[in-house]
N, C-alpha and C. Protein backbone atom coordinates (compact mmCIF):
# COMPACT_ATOMS: atom_id res chain seq x y z
N MET A 1 11.44 12.03 9.36
CA MET A 1 10.32 11.83 10.28
C MET A 1 10.24 10.36 10.68
N ASN A 2 10.17 10.10 12.00
CA ASN A 2 10.06 8.70 12.44
C ASN A 2 8.60 8.28 12.53
N ILE A 3 8.38 7.00 12.81
CA ILE A 3 7.01 6.49 12.76
C ILE A 3 6.11 7.11 13.83
N VAL A 4 6.67 7.48 14.97
CA VAL A 4 5.85 8.12 16.00
C VAL A 4 5.41 9.50 15.53
N GLU A 5 6.32 10.24 14.92
CA GLU A 5 5.96 11.56 14.41
C GLU A 5 4.91 11.47 13.31
N ILE A 6 5.02 10.45 12.46
CA ILE A 6 4.02 10.25 11.41
C ILE A 6 2.65 10.00 12.02
N SER A 7 2.60 9.14 13.04
CA SER A 7 1.32 8.81 13.67
C SER A 7 0.73 10.02 14.40
N GLN A 8 1.59 10.88 14.94
CA GLN A 8 1.10 12.06 15.65
C GLN A 8 0.63 13.15 14.69
N LYS A 9 1.28 13.23 13.55
CA LYS A 9 0.98 14.30 12.60
C LYS A 9 -0.24 13.98 11.73
N ARG A 10 -0.45 12.69 11.44
CA ARG A 10 -1.50 12.29 10.52
C ARG A 10 -2.89 12.56 11.11
N TYR A 11 -3.80 13.06 10.29
CA TYR A 11 -5.18 13.31 10.72
C TYR A 11 -6.10 13.12 9.53
N THR A 12 -7.40 13.09 9.80
CA THR A 12 -8.40 12.94 8.74
C THR A 12 -8.68 14.30 8.10
N THR A 13 -8.33 14.43 6.85
CA THR A 13 -8.53 15.69 6.14
C THR A 13 -10.01 15.88 5.80
N LYS A 14 -10.52 17.06 6.11
CA LYS A 14 -11.93 17.37 5.84
C LYS A 14 -12.10 18.21 4.59
N HIS A 15 -11.10 19.05 4.27
CA HIS A 15 -11.20 19.94 3.11
C HIS A 15 -9.90 19.89 2.33
N TYR A 16 -10.02 19.59 1.03
CA TYR A 16 -8.86 19.50 0.16
C TYR A 16 -8.72 20.72 -0.73
N ASP A 17 -7.50 20.96 -1.18
CA ASP A 17 -7.23 22.00 -2.16
C ASP A 17 -7.35 21.38 -3.54
N LYS A 18 -8.41 21.71 -4.25
CA LYS A 18 -8.73 21.10 -5.54
C LYS A 18 -7.66 21.39 -6.59
N THR A 19 -6.89 22.45 -6.40
CA THR A 19 -5.89 22.83 -7.41
C THR A 19 -4.61 22.01 -7.32
N LYS A 20 -4.46 21.24 -6.26
CA LYS A 20 -3.22 20.49 -6.06
C LYS A 20 -3.41 19.00 -6.38
N LYS A 21 -2.58 18.50 -7.29
CA LYS A 21 -2.61 17.09 -7.68
C LYS A 21 -1.39 16.36 -7.12
N ILE A 22 -1.58 15.12 -6.76
CA ILE A 22 -0.48 14.31 -6.28
C ILE A 22 0.39 13.91 -7.47
N PRO A 23 1.70 14.13 -7.38
CA PRO A 23 2.59 13.73 -8.48
C PRO A 23 2.49 12.24 -8.78
N ALA A 24 2.71 11.89 -10.02
CA ALA A 24 2.57 10.50 -10.47
C ALA A 24 3.48 9.56 -9.70
N ASP A 25 4.70 10.01 -9.37
CA ASP A 25 5.62 9.12 -8.67
C ASP A 25 5.14 8.80 -7.27
N LYS A 26 4.48 9.75 -6.63
CA LYS A 26 3.95 9.49 -5.29
C LYS A 26 2.73 8.57 -5.34
N ILE A 27 1.90 8.76 -6.34
CA ILE A 27 0.76 7.85 -6.51
C ILE A 27 1.26 6.43 -6.73
N GLU A 28 2.29 6.30 -7.55
CA GLU A 28 2.83 4.97 -7.81
C GLU A 28 3.37 4.33 -6.53
N GLN A 29 3.98 5.14 -5.67
CA GLN A 29 4.45 4.63 -4.38
C GLN A 29 3.28 4.11 -3.54
N LEU A 30 2.20 4.88 -3.50
CA LEU A 30 1.05 4.49 -2.68
C LEU A 30 0.35 3.26 -3.23
N LEU A 31 0.27 3.16 -4.54
CA LEU A 31 -0.33 1.96 -5.13
C LEU A 31 0.54 0.73 -4.87
N THR A 32 1.85 0.94 -4.83
CA THR A 32 2.76 -0.17 -4.50
C THR A 32 2.57 -0.61 -3.06
N VAL A 33 2.34 0.36 -2.16
CA VAL A 33 2.05 0.02 -0.77
C VAL A 33 0.78 -0.83 -0.69
N LEU A 34 -0.25 -0.44 -1.42
CA LEU A 34 -1.49 -1.24 -1.44
C LEU A 34 -1.21 -2.65 -1.95
N ARG A 35 -0.46 -2.73 -3.01
CA ARG A 35 -0.15 -4.05 -3.59
C ARG A 35 0.66 -4.91 -2.62
N ASN A 36 1.52 -4.28 -1.84
CA ASN A 36 2.37 -5.01 -0.90
C ASN A 36 1.72 -5.24 0.47
N SER A 37 0.49 -4.79 0.65
CA SER A 37 -0.15 -4.90 1.95
C SER A 37 -0.28 -6.36 2.38
N PRO A 38 -0.12 -6.62 3.67
CA PRO A 38 -0.28 -8.00 4.16
C PRO A 38 -1.74 -8.40 4.19
N SER A 39 -1.97 -9.70 4.07
CA SER A 39 -3.32 -10.26 4.19
C SER A 39 -3.19 -11.67 4.72
N SER A 40 -4.22 -12.13 5.40
CA SER A 40 -4.21 -13.48 5.97
C SER A 40 -3.92 -14.51 4.89
N VAL A 41 -2.99 -15.40 5.17
CA VAL A 41 -2.52 -16.46 4.26
C VAL A 41 -2.25 -15.91 2.84
N ASN A 42 -1.82 -14.65 2.79
CA ASN A 42 -1.52 -14.00 1.51
C ASN A 42 -2.69 -14.11 0.53
N SER A 43 -3.91 -13.98 1.08
CA SER A 43 -5.11 -14.19 0.27
C SER A 43 -5.36 -13.08 -0.74
N GLN A 44 -4.85 -11.88 -0.46
CA GLN A 44 -4.98 -10.75 -1.40
C GLN A 44 -6.38 -10.71 -2.04
N PRO A 45 -7.43 -10.62 -1.22
CA PRO A 45 -8.79 -10.78 -1.77
C PRO A 45 -9.37 -9.50 -2.36
N TRP A 46 -8.51 -8.58 -2.76
CA TRP A 46 -8.96 -7.23 -3.07
C TRP A 46 -8.79 -6.82 -4.53
N HIS A 47 -9.47 -5.72 -4.83
CA HIS A 47 -9.29 -5.02 -6.10
C HIS A 47 -9.54 -3.54 -5.80
N PHE A 48 -8.76 -2.65 -6.41
CA PHE A 48 -8.86 -1.23 -6.10
C PHE A 48 -9.21 -0.42 -7.35
N TYR A 49 -10.23 0.41 -7.24
CA TYR A 49 -10.56 1.34 -8.32
C TYR A 49 -9.92 2.68 -8.01
N VAL A 50 -9.06 3.15 -8.90
CA VAL A 50 -8.33 4.40 -8.70
C VAL A 50 -8.95 5.47 -9.58
N ILE A 51 -9.42 6.54 -8.96
CA ILE A 51 -10.18 7.59 -9.65
C ILE A 51 -9.42 8.90 -9.52
N ASP A 52 -9.03 9.48 -10.68
CA ASP A 52 -8.17 10.66 -10.64
C ASP A 52 -8.63 11.77 -11.57
N ASN A 53 -9.89 11.73 -12.00
CA ASN A 53 -10.38 12.77 -12.92
C ASN A 53 -11.83 13.11 -12.58
N ASP A 54 -12.26 14.28 -13.01
CA ASP A 54 -13.59 14.77 -12.65
C ASP A 54 -14.71 13.90 -13.22
N THR A 55 -14.51 13.37 -14.41
CA THR A 55 -15.55 12.53 -15.02
C THR A 55 -15.82 11.30 -14.16
N ALA A 56 -14.76 10.64 -13.73
CA ALA A 56 -14.91 9.44 -12.90
C ALA A 56 -15.44 9.79 -11.51
N LYS A 57 -14.98 10.93 -10.96
CA LYS A 57 -15.49 11.36 -9.65
C LYS A 57 -16.99 11.60 -9.71
N ASN A 58 -17.43 12.28 -10.76
CA ASN A 58 -18.86 12.57 -10.90
C ASN A 58 -19.66 11.29 -11.10
N LYS A 59 -19.04 10.30 -11.71
CA LYS A 59 -19.72 9.03 -11.93
C LYS A 59 -20.06 8.34 -10.62
N ILE A 60 -19.12 8.37 -9.65
CA ILE A 60 -19.37 7.68 -8.38
C ILE A 60 -20.04 8.56 -7.35
N LEU A 61 -20.15 9.86 -7.63
CA LEU A 61 -20.66 10.81 -6.63
C LEU A 61 -22.06 10.44 -6.11
N PRO A 62 -22.97 9.89 -6.93
CA PRO A 62 -24.28 9.52 -6.40
C PRO A 62 -24.22 8.48 -5.28
N ALA A 63 -23.11 7.75 -5.20
CA ALA A 63 -22.97 6.76 -4.14
C ALA A 63 -22.35 7.33 -2.87
N ILE A 64 -21.86 8.56 -2.95
CA ILE A 64 -21.21 9.21 -1.80
C ILE A 64 -22.25 10.05 -1.06
N LEU A 65 -22.33 9.90 0.25
CA LEU A 65 -23.27 10.71 1.03
C LEU A 65 -22.93 12.19 0.87
N ASP A 66 -23.96 13.02 0.86
CA ASP A 66 -23.80 14.43 0.52
C ASP A 66 -22.68 15.13 1.28
N PHE A 67 -22.58 14.88 2.58
CA PHE A 67 -21.58 15.61 3.37
C PHE A 67 -20.16 15.22 3.01
N ASN A 68 -19.99 14.10 2.31
CA ASN A 68 -18.66 13.66 1.89
C ASN A 68 -18.32 14.04 0.45
N HIS A 69 -19.25 14.67 -0.25
CA HIS A 69 -18.99 15.03 -1.65
C HIS A 69 -17.70 15.82 -1.83
N PRO A 70 -17.43 16.86 -1.01
CA PRO A 70 -16.19 17.63 -1.21
C PRO A 70 -14.92 16.80 -1.03
N ARG A 71 -15.00 15.75 -0.18
CA ARG A 71 -13.81 14.91 0.00
C ARG A 71 -13.45 14.17 -1.28
N VAL A 72 -14.45 13.93 -2.11
CA VAL A 72 -14.20 13.27 -3.40
C VAL A 72 -13.91 14.30 -4.48
N THR A 73 -14.76 15.30 -4.63
CA THR A 73 -14.62 16.25 -5.74
C THR A 73 -13.36 17.10 -5.63
N ASP A 74 -12.94 17.43 -4.41
CA ASP A 74 -11.80 18.33 -4.24
C ASP A 74 -10.47 17.60 -4.01
N SER A 75 -10.51 16.32 -3.74
CA SER A 75 -9.27 15.58 -3.53
C SER A 75 -8.60 15.31 -4.87
N SER A 76 -7.36 14.90 -4.81
CA SER A 76 -6.63 14.56 -6.02
C SER A 76 -7.04 13.19 -6.55
N HIS A 77 -7.12 12.21 -5.64
CA HIS A 77 -7.44 10.84 -6.03
C HIS A 77 -8.44 10.23 -5.04
N THR A 78 -9.28 9.37 -5.56
CA THR A 78 -10.19 8.59 -4.74
C THR A 78 -9.96 7.12 -5.07
N ILE A 79 -9.90 6.29 -4.03
CA ILE A 79 -9.70 4.86 -4.23
C ILE A 79 -10.86 4.10 -3.60
N VAL A 80 -11.50 3.27 -4.39
CA VAL A 80 -12.58 2.42 -3.89
C VAL A 80 -12.00 1.02 -3.64
N PHE A 81 -12.09 0.59 -2.38
CA PHE A 81 -11.58 -0.72 -1.97
C PHE A 81 -12.68 -1.76 -2.18
N CYS A 82 -12.37 -2.81 -2.92
CA CYS A 82 -13.34 -3.87 -3.17
C CYS A 82 -12.75 -5.22 -2.77
N VAL A 83 -13.63 -6.17 -2.50
CA VAL A 83 -13.19 -7.55 -2.24
C VAL A 83 -13.94 -8.49 -3.17
N LYS A 84 -13.40 -9.69 -3.31
CA LYS A 84 -13.95 -10.66 -4.24
C LYS A 84 -15.14 -11.41 -3.63
N THR A 85 -16.19 -11.54 -4.40
CA THR A 85 -17.38 -12.27 -3.94
C THR A 85 -17.85 -13.22 -5.04
N PRO A 86 -17.55 -14.51 -4.90
CA PRO A 86 -16.86 -15.10 -3.77
C PRO A 86 -15.34 -15.14 -3.98
N LEU A 87 -14.63 -15.56 -2.96
CA LEU A 87 -13.21 -15.82 -3.07
C LEU A 87 -13.08 -17.24 -3.63
N ASP A 88 -13.04 -17.33 -4.95
CA ASP A 88 -13.25 -18.62 -5.60
C ASP A 88 -11.95 -19.37 -5.89
N ASP A 89 -12.13 -20.57 -6.45
CA ASP A 89 -10.99 -21.44 -6.74
C ASP A 89 -10.04 -20.80 -7.74
N ALA A 90 -10.58 -20.10 -8.72
CA ALA A 90 -9.73 -19.47 -9.73
C ALA A 90 -8.75 -18.49 -9.09
N HIS A 91 -9.23 -17.74 -8.09
CA HIS A 91 -8.35 -16.79 -7.40
C HIS A 91 -7.26 -17.52 -6.62
N LEU A 92 -7.63 -18.61 -5.96
CA LEU A 92 -6.66 -19.36 -5.18
C LEU A 92 -5.59 -19.98 -6.07
N VAL A 93 -5.99 -20.48 -7.21
CA VAL A 93 -5.04 -21.03 -8.16
C VAL A 93 -4.12 -19.94 -8.69
N ASN A 94 -4.69 -18.78 -8.99
CA ASN A 94 -3.91 -17.65 -9.48
C ASN A 94 -2.86 -17.22 -8.45
N LEU A 95 -3.26 -17.17 -7.18
CA LEU A 95 -2.32 -16.82 -6.11
C LEU A 95 -1.16 -17.80 -6.06
N LEU A 96 -1.48 -19.08 -6.07
CA LEU A 96 -0.44 -20.11 -5.97
C LEU A 96 0.52 -20.03 -7.15
N ASN A 97 -0.01 -19.84 -8.33
CA ASN A 97 0.84 -19.74 -9.51
C ASN A 97 1.76 -18.53 -9.44
N GLN A 98 1.24 -17.42 -8.91
CA GLN A 98 2.05 -16.21 -8.79
C GLN A 98 3.16 -16.41 -7.76
N GLU A 99 2.83 -17.03 -6.64
CA GLU A 99 3.84 -17.31 -5.61
C GLU A 99 4.94 -18.21 -6.19
N ASP A 100 4.52 -19.20 -6.98
CA ASP A 100 5.49 -20.10 -7.62
C ASP A 100 6.37 -19.32 -8.58
N LYS A 101 5.77 -18.46 -9.38
CA LYS A 101 6.50 -17.65 -10.35
C LYS A 101 7.49 -16.71 -9.65
N ASP A 102 7.09 -16.19 -8.47
CA ASP A 102 7.94 -15.25 -7.75
C ASP A 102 9.02 -15.93 -6.91
N GLY A 103 9.05 -17.27 -6.96
CA GLY A 103 10.12 -18.00 -6.27
C GLY A 103 9.88 -18.28 -4.80
N ARG A 104 8.64 -18.15 -4.36
CA ARG A 104 8.34 -18.40 -2.94
C ARG A 104 8.16 -19.88 -2.63
N LEU A 105 8.03 -20.71 -3.66
CA LEU A 105 7.71 -22.12 -3.45
C LEU A 105 8.75 -22.99 -4.16
N PRO A 106 9.93 -23.16 -3.56
CA PRO A 106 11.03 -23.85 -4.23
C PRO A 106 10.87 -25.36 -4.36
N SER A 107 9.84 -25.93 -3.75
CA SER A 107 9.66 -27.38 -3.87
C SER A 107 8.18 -27.71 -4.03
N ALA A 108 7.91 -28.87 -4.61
CA ALA A 108 6.52 -29.30 -4.81
C ALA A 108 5.81 -29.49 -3.48
N ASP A 109 6.54 -29.98 -2.49
CA ASP A 109 5.94 -30.19 -1.17
C ASP A 109 5.53 -28.87 -0.54
N LEU A 110 6.38 -27.86 -0.68
CA LEU A 110 6.07 -26.55 -0.11
C LEU A 110 4.89 -25.92 -0.84
N LYS A 111 4.84 -26.11 -2.14
CA LYS A 111 3.72 -25.57 -2.93
C LYS A 111 2.41 -26.22 -2.50
N LYS A 112 2.44 -27.53 -2.29
CA LYS A 112 1.24 -28.24 -1.86
C LYS A 112 0.80 -27.78 -0.48
N ALA A 113 1.78 -27.64 0.43
CA ALA A 113 1.47 -27.21 1.79
C ALA A 113 0.89 -25.80 1.81
N GLN A 114 1.44 -24.93 0.99
CA GLN A 114 0.94 -23.55 0.92
C GLN A 114 -0.51 -23.54 0.45
N ASP A 115 -0.79 -24.29 -0.58
CA ASP A 115 -2.15 -24.34 -1.15
C ASP A 115 -3.14 -24.91 -0.14
N GLU A 116 -2.76 -26.03 0.49
CA GLU A 116 -3.66 -26.67 1.45
C GLU A 116 -3.88 -25.78 2.67
N GLY A 117 -2.82 -25.14 3.15
CA GLY A 117 -2.95 -24.27 4.31
C GLY A 117 -3.85 -23.08 4.04
N ARG A 118 -3.67 -22.46 2.88
CA ARG A 118 -4.51 -21.30 2.54
C ARG A 118 -5.97 -21.71 2.38
N ARG A 119 -6.18 -22.81 1.70
CA ARG A 119 -7.55 -23.27 1.50
C ARG A 119 -8.22 -23.61 2.83
N HIS A 120 -7.44 -24.11 3.77
CA HIS A 120 -7.99 -24.42 5.10
C HIS A 120 -8.53 -23.15 5.76
N PHE A 121 -7.74 -22.08 5.72
CA PHE A 121 -8.17 -20.85 6.40
C PHE A 121 -9.27 -20.13 5.63
N VAL A 122 -9.25 -20.22 4.32
CA VAL A 122 -10.36 -19.65 3.55
C VAL A 122 -11.66 -20.37 3.90
N LYS A 123 -11.61 -21.71 3.94
CA LYS A 123 -12.80 -22.49 4.29
C LYS A 123 -13.25 -22.19 5.71
N LEU A 124 -12.29 -22.04 6.61
CA LEU A 124 -12.60 -21.76 8.01
C LEU A 124 -13.38 -20.46 8.16
N ASN A 125 -13.10 -19.52 7.28
CA ASN A 125 -13.75 -18.21 7.36
C ASN A 125 -14.84 -18.02 6.31
N SER A 126 -15.32 -19.13 5.75
CA SER A 126 -16.31 -19.04 4.69
C SER A 126 -17.52 -19.95 4.95
N SER A 127 -17.91 -20.06 6.21
CA SER A 127 -19.06 -20.91 6.54
C SER A 127 -20.34 -20.42 5.88
N THR A 128 -20.40 -19.10 5.66
CA THR A 128 -21.50 -18.48 4.92
C THR A 128 -20.91 -17.38 4.05
N PRO A 129 -21.61 -16.93 3.02
CA PRO A 129 -21.11 -15.81 2.21
C PRO A 129 -20.85 -14.58 3.07
N GLU A 130 -21.69 -14.38 4.08
CA GLU A 130 -21.51 -13.22 4.97
C GLU A 130 -20.23 -13.34 5.78
N ALA A 131 -19.92 -14.55 6.24
CA ALA A 131 -18.70 -14.77 7.01
C ALA A 131 -17.48 -14.52 6.14
N GLN A 132 -17.53 -14.98 4.91
CA GLN A 132 -16.40 -14.78 4.00
C GLN A 132 -16.21 -13.29 3.71
N LEU A 133 -17.32 -12.58 3.50
CA LEU A 133 -17.24 -11.15 3.23
C LEU A 133 -16.64 -10.41 4.42
N CYS A 134 -17.02 -10.80 5.63
CA CYS A 134 -16.49 -10.17 6.84
C CYS A 134 -14.98 -10.39 6.92
N TRP A 135 -14.54 -11.60 6.65
CA TRP A 135 -13.11 -11.93 6.72
C TRP A 135 -12.33 -11.15 5.66
N GLU A 136 -12.86 -11.11 4.45
CA GLU A 136 -12.19 -10.37 3.38
C GLU A 136 -12.13 -8.87 3.70
N SER A 137 -13.21 -8.37 4.30
CA SER A 137 -13.25 -6.95 4.64
C SER A 137 -12.15 -6.59 5.63
N LYS A 138 -11.87 -7.50 6.55
CA LYS A 138 -10.78 -7.27 7.50
C LYS A 138 -9.46 -7.11 6.78
N GLN A 139 -9.26 -7.90 5.74
CA GLN A 139 -8.02 -7.80 4.97
C GLN A 139 -7.96 -6.46 4.25
N ALA A 140 -9.09 -6.02 3.71
CA ALA A 140 -9.13 -4.74 3.01
C ALA A 140 -8.80 -3.58 3.95
N TYR A 141 -9.25 -3.70 5.20
CA TYR A 141 -8.97 -2.63 6.15
C TYR A 141 -7.50 -2.61 6.58
N ILE A 142 -6.84 -3.76 6.52
CA ILE A 142 -5.39 -3.76 6.74
C ILE A 142 -4.73 -2.92 5.65
N ALA A 143 -5.15 -3.12 4.41
CA ALA A 143 -4.61 -2.35 3.29
C ALA A 143 -4.92 -0.86 3.45
N LEU A 144 -6.13 -0.55 3.93
CA LEU A 144 -6.50 0.85 4.16
C LEU A 144 -5.56 1.49 5.17
N GLY A 145 -5.29 0.81 6.27
CA GLY A 145 -4.38 1.34 7.28
C GLY A 145 -2.99 1.59 6.73
N GLN A 146 -2.52 0.65 5.91
CA GLN A 146 -1.21 0.82 5.27
C GLN A 146 -1.18 2.08 4.41
N LEU A 147 -2.25 2.28 3.65
CA LEU A 147 -2.33 3.43 2.75
C LEU A 147 -2.33 4.74 3.52
N LEU A 148 -3.13 4.83 4.57
CA LEU A 148 -3.24 6.08 5.33
C LEU A 148 -1.90 6.46 5.96
N PHE A 149 -1.21 5.48 6.50
CA PHE A 149 0.08 5.75 7.14
C PHE A 149 1.13 6.13 6.09
N ALA A 150 1.15 5.37 4.99
CA ALA A 150 2.13 5.64 3.94
C ALA A 150 1.93 7.02 3.32
N ALA A 151 0.67 7.41 3.16
CA ALA A 151 0.38 8.72 2.58
C ALA A 151 0.99 9.83 3.44
N GLU A 152 0.77 9.76 4.74
CA GLU A 152 1.35 10.76 5.64
C GLU A 152 2.86 10.76 5.57
N ALA A 153 3.44 9.58 5.43
CA ALA A 153 4.90 9.46 5.40
C ALA A 153 5.52 10.19 4.22
N ILE A 154 4.76 10.34 3.12
CA ILE A 154 5.30 11.05 1.96
C ILE A 154 4.62 12.39 1.73
N GLY A 155 3.95 12.90 2.78
CA GLY A 155 3.40 14.24 2.72
C GLY A 155 2.09 14.38 1.98
N VAL A 156 1.33 13.29 1.90
CA VAL A 156 0.02 13.31 1.24
C VAL A 156 -1.07 13.19 2.30
N ASP A 157 -2.10 14.01 2.21
CA ASP A 157 -3.21 13.97 3.16
C ASP A 157 -4.24 12.93 2.71
N SER A 158 -5.04 12.46 3.67
CA SER A 158 -5.96 11.37 3.34
C SER A 158 -7.21 11.39 4.21
N THR A 159 -8.23 10.71 3.71
CA THR A 159 -9.50 10.55 4.43
C THR A 159 -10.05 9.17 4.16
N ALA A 160 -10.37 8.43 5.20
CA ALA A 160 -11.09 7.17 5.04
C ALA A 160 -12.58 7.50 5.04
N VAL A 161 -13.29 7.03 4.02
CA VAL A 161 -14.70 7.38 3.84
C VAL A 161 -15.57 6.13 3.95
N GLU A 162 -16.30 6.04 5.05
CA GLU A 162 -17.32 5.00 5.18
C GLU A 162 -18.71 5.55 4.89
N GLY A 163 -18.80 6.87 4.79
CA GLY A 163 -20.08 7.52 4.51
C GLY A 163 -20.41 7.46 3.04
N TYR A 164 -20.76 6.26 2.58
CA TYR A 164 -21.17 6.09 1.20
C TYR A 164 -22.15 4.92 1.13
N ASP A 165 -22.85 4.82 0.02
CA ASP A 165 -23.84 3.77 -0.20
C ASP A 165 -23.18 2.64 -0.98
N SER A 166 -22.86 1.56 -0.28
CA SER A 166 -22.14 0.45 -0.89
C SER A 166 -22.91 -0.17 -2.05
N ALA A 167 -24.21 -0.38 -1.86
CA ALA A 167 -25.02 -0.98 -2.92
C ALA A 167 -25.04 -0.09 -4.16
N LYS A 168 -25.13 1.22 -3.96
CA LYS A 168 -25.14 2.15 -5.08
C LYS A 168 -23.79 2.17 -5.79
N MET A 169 -22.70 2.14 -5.01
CA MET A 169 -21.37 2.11 -5.60
C MET A 169 -21.19 0.85 -6.44
N ASP A 170 -21.66 -0.28 -5.89
CA ASP A 170 -21.55 -1.55 -6.62
C ASP A 170 -22.31 -1.49 -7.93
N GLU A 171 -23.47 -0.83 -7.90
CA GLU A 171 -24.29 -0.70 -9.11
C GLU A 171 -23.60 0.18 -10.15
N ILE A 172 -23.07 1.31 -9.71
CA ILE A 172 -22.43 2.26 -10.62
C ILE A 172 -21.23 1.64 -11.31
N LEU A 173 -20.43 0.91 -10.56
CA LEU A 173 -19.21 0.32 -11.11
C LEU A 173 -19.42 -1.08 -11.69
N GLY A 174 -20.66 -1.58 -11.60
CA GLY A 174 -20.95 -2.91 -12.13
C GLY A 174 -20.17 -3.99 -11.43
N LEU A 175 -20.04 -3.87 -10.12
CA LEU A 175 -19.17 -4.77 -9.37
C LEU A 175 -19.72 -6.19 -9.24
N LYS A 176 -21.02 -6.31 -9.10
CA LYS A 176 -21.60 -7.65 -8.91
C LYS A 176 -21.27 -8.55 -10.09
N GLN A 177 -21.35 -7.99 -11.28
CA GLN A 177 -21.06 -8.77 -12.49
C GLN A 177 -19.58 -9.16 -12.56
N LYS A 178 -18.75 -8.42 -11.84
CA LYS A 178 -17.31 -8.69 -11.85
C LYS A 178 -16.87 -9.52 -10.65
N GLY A 179 -17.85 -9.95 -9.82
CA GLY A 179 -17.52 -10.74 -8.65
C GLY A 179 -16.83 -9.93 -7.57
N LEU A 180 -17.24 -8.66 -7.43
CA LEU A 180 -16.62 -7.77 -6.45
C LEU A 180 -17.69 -7.06 -5.63
N LYS A 181 -17.26 -6.55 -4.46
CA LYS A 181 -18.13 -5.73 -3.62
C LYS A 181 -17.30 -4.62 -2.99
N SER A 182 -17.81 -3.39 -3.03
CA SER A 182 -17.08 -2.28 -2.42
C SER A 182 -17.17 -2.36 -0.90
N ILE A 183 -16.08 -1.99 -0.25
CA ILE A 183 -15.98 -2.11 1.21
C ILE A 183 -15.77 -0.76 1.89
N VAL A 184 -14.90 0.06 1.33
CA VAL A 184 -14.59 1.36 1.92
C VAL A 184 -13.96 2.22 0.83
N VAL A 185 -13.95 3.52 1.05
CA VAL A 185 -13.38 4.47 0.09
C VAL A 185 -12.32 5.30 0.81
N ALA A 186 -11.27 5.67 0.09
CA ALA A 186 -10.26 6.57 0.64
C ALA A 186 -9.99 7.69 -0.35
N THR A 187 -9.84 8.91 0.15
CA THR A 187 -9.47 10.02 -0.72
C THR A 187 -8.09 10.51 -0.34
N LEU A 188 -7.36 11.01 -1.34
CA LEU A 188 -5.98 11.45 -1.16
C LEU A 188 -5.78 12.79 -1.83
N GLY A 189 -4.95 13.64 -1.25
CA GLY A 189 -4.67 14.93 -1.84
C GLY A 189 -3.89 15.80 -0.89
N TYR A 190 -4.15 17.09 -0.98
CA TYR A 190 -3.46 18.05 -0.11
C TYR A 190 -4.49 18.97 0.54
N ARG A 191 -4.34 19.14 1.82
CA ARG A 191 -5.31 19.91 2.61
C ARG A 191 -5.46 21.34 2.10
N ALA A 192 -6.67 21.86 2.25
CA ALA A 192 -6.93 23.27 1.95
C ALA A 192 -6.47 24.12 3.13
N GLU A 193 -6.22 25.38 2.87
CA GLU A 193 -5.77 26.28 3.93
C GLU A 193 -6.81 26.42 5.03
N ASN A 194 -8.09 26.28 4.65
CA ASN A 194 -9.17 26.44 5.64
C ASN A 194 -9.59 25.12 6.27
N ASP A 195 -8.78 24.07 6.12
CA ASP A 195 -9.13 22.78 6.72
C ASP A 195 -8.95 22.86 8.24
N GLY A 196 -10.06 23.11 8.92
CA GLY A 196 -10.01 23.30 10.36
C GLY A 196 -9.48 22.11 11.14
N ASN A 197 -9.64 20.93 10.59
CA ASN A 197 -9.19 19.73 11.30
C ASN A 197 -7.68 19.68 11.43
N ALA A 198 -6.99 20.43 10.57
CA ALA A 198 -5.52 20.42 10.59
C ALA A 198 -4.96 21.04 11.86
N HIS A 199 -5.72 21.91 12.48
CA HIS A 199 -5.20 22.67 13.62
C HIS A 199 -5.78 22.20 14.96
N ARG A 200 -6.58 21.16 14.91
CA ARG A 200 -7.15 20.63 16.16
C ARG A 200 -6.19 19.61 16.75
N PRO A 201 -6.00 19.64 18.06
CA PRO A 201 -5.08 18.68 18.67
C PRO A 201 -5.59 17.25 18.54
N LYS A 202 -4.68 16.32 18.38
CA LYS A 202 -5.05 14.91 18.33
C LYS A 202 -5.55 14.48 19.70
N SER A 203 -6.60 13.67 19.72
CA SER A 203 -7.15 13.19 21.00
C SER A 203 -7.20 11.67 20.99
N ARG A 204 -6.49 11.05 21.91
CA ARG A 204 -6.48 9.60 22.06
C ARG A 204 -6.55 9.25 23.55
N LEU A 205 -7.13 8.12 23.85
CA LEU A 205 -7.16 7.68 25.24
C LEU A 205 -5.74 7.46 25.74
N PRO A 206 -5.49 7.71 27.03
CA PRO A 206 -4.14 7.51 27.58
C PRO A 206 -3.74 6.04 27.53
N LYS A 207 -2.45 5.82 27.41
CA LYS A 207 -1.95 4.45 27.24
C LYS A 207 -2.31 3.54 28.40
N GLU A 208 -2.49 4.14 29.60
CA GLU A 208 -2.86 3.33 30.77
C GLU A 208 -4.22 2.67 30.59
N GLN A 209 -5.08 3.25 29.74
CA GLN A 209 -6.41 2.72 29.53
C GLN A 209 -6.49 1.70 28.41
N ILE A 210 -5.47 1.65 27.55
CA ILE A 210 -5.60 0.79 26.37
C ILE A 210 -4.54 -0.30 26.26
N PHE A 211 -3.52 -0.26 27.15
CA PHE A 211 -2.51 -1.31 27.10
C PHE A 211 -2.50 -2.11 28.40
N THR A 212 -2.45 -3.42 28.26
CA THR A 212 -2.26 -4.30 29.40
C THR A 212 -1.02 -5.14 29.11
N PHE A 213 -0.05 -5.08 30.01
CA PHE A 213 1.19 -5.85 29.84
C PHE A 213 1.14 -7.07 30.72
N LEU A 214 1.23 -8.22 30.13
CA LEU A 214 1.15 -9.48 30.88
C LEU A 214 2.55 -9.99 31.21
């Protein structure tokens, strides 16, 4: 399957088959995609909660709006996307050390330039806590897009869930104490036979309306 076919076939799953679990090797692939997701200045401002059992699903269910409950309870896995609040010095130092360890910074000058450049863009997008959160959220949504596409590529269905109570989720998972904030939720699994959304044609605006070639 090529990338165009993946984009045409992929859709938002509304009903999952609760009896079907995603194999461990496929979950590991998807988590690797999340880990490898691009972010501005390699800021990697995220943390992901991976939920794969009924006890954990029931724990977060009070934060999920009622109409989205089946997307969590019947799916194989639920992932809560979080970002760091704040994006502090310790995280920036940790990033730089990891890049150095991974061989991305072969000289002291390059290491210094990388650190200064990243800090410049973090500061540029951190005029207020709200501005920083907005910038970090954009990075998290890049990771979300990567996950949704990758899931379809390996035959896994998915749903992006914004219909949840972020403050409640943060409370349930104790995120504030951990310097984190939930941003969006994604569920993964296999569609149910009665998932009506599977048989509806994809609808997108024509390319003439959305592309301008200069």
